[in-house]
Amino acid sequence: EAVISVDTYKPAVAEACLAAGVQIINDVTGLRGPENDDAMARVAAEYGAGVVVMHMQGSPRDMQRDPRYDDLGRELHDFFLERLRVCVGAGLPAEAVALDPGIGFGKRLEHNLALLNHPEWFCGLGRPIVVGASRKSFIGGLTAASVEERLPGTLAAHTVALLRGAHLLRVHDVPQAVQALRVAAAIKGAGQ
């Protein structure tokens, strides 16, 4: 009964996985891929799959070489709006798309913190916002914690993002994340 996703930016890999029963494609290139066309969106549409469109400035090889933004929120908003148009134009319903601001992908510390604090910047697009801050290097930068020691920072980042408007979280430590978010949701709903 589990929903299974695959992380790929290659349409041929996505198609093989979807044919094998995968339901969601998570694409770190924002469905731009090496061909920079709508091939990934067309494959997802053909199989009735969901997609996670992630923002990344640059490519995996150069994304952390001096990332800069004139207006972080506006630039990502415009990116997601354009990607939604491509998806719909390729036959993929907007309802099948979730948006991921790409914490740690072409972002400096201040960019990551701002995106975690303001997922509502993208809520006007009407699509779920996905946040994946689990064990990311910005947590180590703030705390000097090794990757293995970043659970407390991860829980803090995810809790704030969820309370600020994020809908879905990508986590490594599932039981701990569920417990933290259950408590946060109970606190948020208390006294109303």
Protein backbone atom coordinates (compact mmCIF):
# COMPACT_ATOMS: atom_id res chain seq x y z
CA GLU A 1 0.00 0.00 0.00
CA ALA A 2 3.02 2.31 0.20
CA VAL A 3 3.42 5.04 -2.38
CA ILE A 4 6.85 4.71 -3.96
CA SER A 5 8.87 7.47 -5.55
CA VAL A 6 12.10 7.40 -7.51
CA ASP A 7 14.70 10.15 -7.63
CA THR A 8 15.83 10.65 -11.23
CA TYR A 9 16.20 13.36 -13.86
CA LYS A 10 16.37 10.88 -16.77
CA PRO A 11 13.08 10.26 -18.61
CA ALA A 12 14.11 6.72 -19.65
CA VAL A 13 14.83 5.75 -16.04
CA ALA A 14 11.56 7.34 -14.91
CA GLU A 15 9.63 5.42 -17.56
CA ALA A 16 11.19 2.09 -16.54
CA CYS A 17 10.41 2.77 -12.88
CA LEU A 18 6.84 3.87 -13.61
CA ALA A 19 6.31 0.73 -15.70
CA ALA A 20 7.48 -1.27 -12.66
CA GLY A 21 4.89 0.39 -10.40
CA VAL A 22 6.51 3.55 -9.04
CA GLN A 23 3.93 6.33 -8.58
CA ILE A 24 5.99 9.51 -8.10
CA ILE A 25 9.04 10.97 -9.85
CA ASN A 26 11.27 13.23 -7.77
CA ASP A 27 13.42 15.30 -10.12
CA VAL A 28 16.18 17.51 -8.67
CA THR A 29 16.46 19.36 -12.00
CA GLY A 30 12.86 20.56 -11.85
CA LEU A 31 11.94 18.42 -14.87
CA ARG A 32 14.55 20.23 -16.96
CA GLY A 33 16.96 17.31 -17.28
CA PRO A 34 19.84 17.06 -19.71
CA GLU A 35 17.66 17.72 -22.76
CA ASN A 36 15.97 20.73 -21.09
CA ASP A 37 12.63 19.85 -22.64
CA ASP A 38 9.28 18.49 -21.44
CA ALA A 39 10.19 14.79 -21.80
CA MET A 40 9.97 14.03 -18.05
CA ALA A 41 6.59 15.75 -17.75
CA ARG A 42 5.30 13.80 -20.78
CA VAL A 43 6.46 10.47 -19.30
CA ALA A 44 4.80 11.26 -15.96
CA ALA A 45 1.60 12.29 -17.74
CA GLU A 46 1.56 9.08 -19.79
CA TYR A 47 1.68 6.98 -16.61
CA GLY A 48 -0.58 9.21 -14.51
CA ALA A 49 2.28 9.74 -12.06
CA GLY A 50 2.90 12.47 -9.57
CA VAL A 51 6.04 14.59 -9.76
CA VAL A 52 8.10 16.57 -7.28
CA VAL A 53 9.58 19.56 -9.07
CA MET A 54 12.65 20.74 -7.20
CA HIS A 55 14.49 24.02 -7.66
CA MET A 56 18.26 23.90 -8.04
CA GLN A 57 20.43 26.79 -9.16
CA GLY A 58 23.06 25.39 -11.52
CA SER A 59 23.80 21.69 -11.80
CA PRO A 60 24.87 19.14 -9.18
CA ARG A 61 28.49 19.78 -10.17
CA ASP A 62 28.44 23.55 -9.73
CA MET A 63 25.36 24.37 -7.64
CA GLN A 64 27.32 25.44 -4.57
CA ARG A 65 29.81 27.66 -6.43
CA ASP A 66 28.74 31.07 -5.19
CA PRO A 67 24.92 30.80 -5.50
CA ARG A 68 23.28 34.23 -5.65
CA TYR A 69 19.72 35.55 -5.90
CA ASP A 70 18.43 39.09 -6.38
CA ASP A 71 15.04 38.16 -4.89
CA LEU A 72 15.02 34.57 -3.60
CA GLY A 73 11.27 34.22 -3.08
CA ARG A 74 10.32 35.84 -6.39
CA GLU A 75 12.90 33.89 -8.41
CA LEU A 76 11.76 30.52 -7.03
CA HIS A 77 8.09 31.50 -7.38
CA ASP A 78 8.65 32.38 -11.05
CA PHE A 79 10.61 29.15 -11.59
CA PHE A 80 7.76 27.06 -10.14
CA LEU A 81 5.15 28.95 -12.14
CA GLU A 82 7.06 28.30 -15.36
CA ARG A 83 7.56 24.62 -14.47
CA LEU A 84 3.84 24.23 -13.74
CA ARG A 85 3.07 25.66 -17.17
CA VAL A 86 5.45 23.15 -18.79
CA CYS A 87 3.86 20.28 -16.86
CA VAL A 88 0.31 21.25 -17.81
CA GLY A 89 1.40 21.85 -21.42
CA ALA A 90 2.83 18.32 -21.53
CA GLY A 91 -0.47 16.85 -20.34
CA LEU A 92 0.39 16.47 -16.65
CA PRO A 93 -2.39 17.85 -14.45
CA ALA A 94 -1.32 20.57 -12.00
CA GLU A 95 -2.83 18.38 -9.25
CA ALA A 96 -0.04 15.83 -9.88
CA VAL A 97 2.74 18.32 -9.07
CA ALA A 98 4.39 19.10 -5.73
CA LEU A 99 7.01 21.83 -5.36
CA ASP A 100 10.34 21.54 -3.53
CA PRO A 101 12.42 24.72 -2.98
CA GLY A 102 15.56 22.57 -2.92
CA ILE A 103 17.11 23.15 0.49
CA GLY A 104 20.89 22.83 0.01
CA PHE A 105 20.75 22.77 -3.80
CA GLY A 106 22.34 25.96 -5.06
CA LYS A 107 21.60 27.80 -1.84
CA ARG A 108 23.72 29.55 0.78
CA LEU A 109 22.98 29.28 4.51
CA GLU A 110 20.83 32.42 4.47
CA HIS A 111 18.84 31.12 1.48
CA ASN A 112 18.13 27.78 3.20
CA LEU A 113 17.01 29.51 6.40
CA ALA A 114 14.74 31.92 4.51
CA LEU A 115 13.12 29.10 2.54
CA LEU A 116 12.47 27.08 5.70
CA ASN A 117 10.95 30.14 7.32
CA HIS A 118 8.82 31.12 4.32
CA PRO A 119 7.35 28.14 2.45
CA GLU A 120 4.19 30.26 2.21
CA TRP A 121 5.96 32.20 -0.58
CA PHE A 122 4.85 29.35 -2.85
CA CYS A 123 1.48 28.43 -1.33
CA GLY A 124 -0.28 30.81 -3.72
CA LEU A 125 0.61 28.41 -6.52
CA GLY A 126 -1.88 25.96 -5.05
CA ARG A 127 0.45 22.98 -4.95
CA PRO A 128 1.88 21.11 -1.95
CA ILE A 129 5.28 22.31 -0.76
CA VAL A 130 7.89 19.62 -0.07
CA VAL A 131 10.79 20.31 2.29
CA GLY A 132 13.82 18.08 2.67
CA ALA A 133 16.25 19.48 5.25
CA SER A 134 17.18 16.14 6.80
CA ARG A 135 20.86 16.09 7.86
CA LYS A 136 21.74 18.89 5.42
CA SER A 137 25.07 20.67 5.61
CA PHE A 138 23.54 23.98 6.71
CA ILE A 139 22.66 22.26 10.02
CA GLY A 140 26.31 21.31 10.41
CA GLY A 141 27.30 24.85 9.55
CA LEU A 142 25.10 26.23 12.30
CA THR A 143 25.92 23.62 14.95
CA ALA A 144 29.22 21.95 13.94
CA ALA A 145 27.36 18.62 14.20
CA SER A 146 28.47 15.71 12.02
CA VAL A 147 25.95 14.22 9.59
CA GLU A 148 25.13 11.48 12.11
CA GLU A 149 24.48 14.07 14.85
CA ARG A 150 22.07 16.33 12.93
CA LEU A 151 18.75 14.83 14.03
CA PRO A 152 17.89 17.64 16.51
CA GLY A 153 18.64 20.30 13.91
CA THR A 154 16.65 18.39 11.31
CA LEU A 155 13.63 18.14 13.61
CA ALA A 156 13.80 21.88 14.35
CA ALA A 157 14.05 22.79 10.66
CA HIS A 158 11.21 20.49 9.61
CA THR A 159 8.95 21.57 12.45
CA VAL A 160 9.36 25.25 11.61
CA ALA A 161 8.79 24.58 7.90
CA LEU A 162 5.63 22.60 8.62
CA LEU A 163 4.26 25.25 10.98
CA ARG A 164 5.00 27.92 8.34
CA GLY A 165 3.08 26.14 5.58
CA ALA A 166 5.05 23.19 4.16
CA HIS A 167 2.90 20.14 3.40
CA LEU A 168 5.32 17.23 2.89
CA LEU A 169 8.66 16.42 4.48
CA ARG A 170 11.46 14.23 3.18
CA VAL A 171 13.13 12.63 6.21
CA HIS A 172 15.69 9.99 7.11
CA ASP A 173 14.60 9.35 10.72
CA VAL A 174 10.93 8.52 10.31
CA PRO A 175 9.85 7.58 13.89
CA GLN A 176 11.56 10.64 15.37
CA ALA A 177 10.09 12.94 12.71
CA VAL A 178 6.59 11.54 13.26
CA GLN A 179 6.85 12.07 17.03
CA ALA A 180 8.15 15.65 16.69
CA LEU A 181 5.50 16.61 14.15
CA ARG A 182 2.69 14.99 16.13
CA VAL A 183 3.63 17.12 19.14
CA ALA A 184 3.98 20.26 17.00
CA ALA A 185 0.56 19.69 15.39
CA ALA A 186 -1.04 19.17 18.81
CA ILE A 187 0.49 22.39 20.12
CA LYS A 188 -0.54 24.32 17.00
CA GLY A 189 -4.14 23.14 17.35
CA ALA A 190 -4.44 23.74 21.11
CA GLY A 191 -6.72 26.45 22.45
CA GLN A 192 -8.53 27.11 19.19
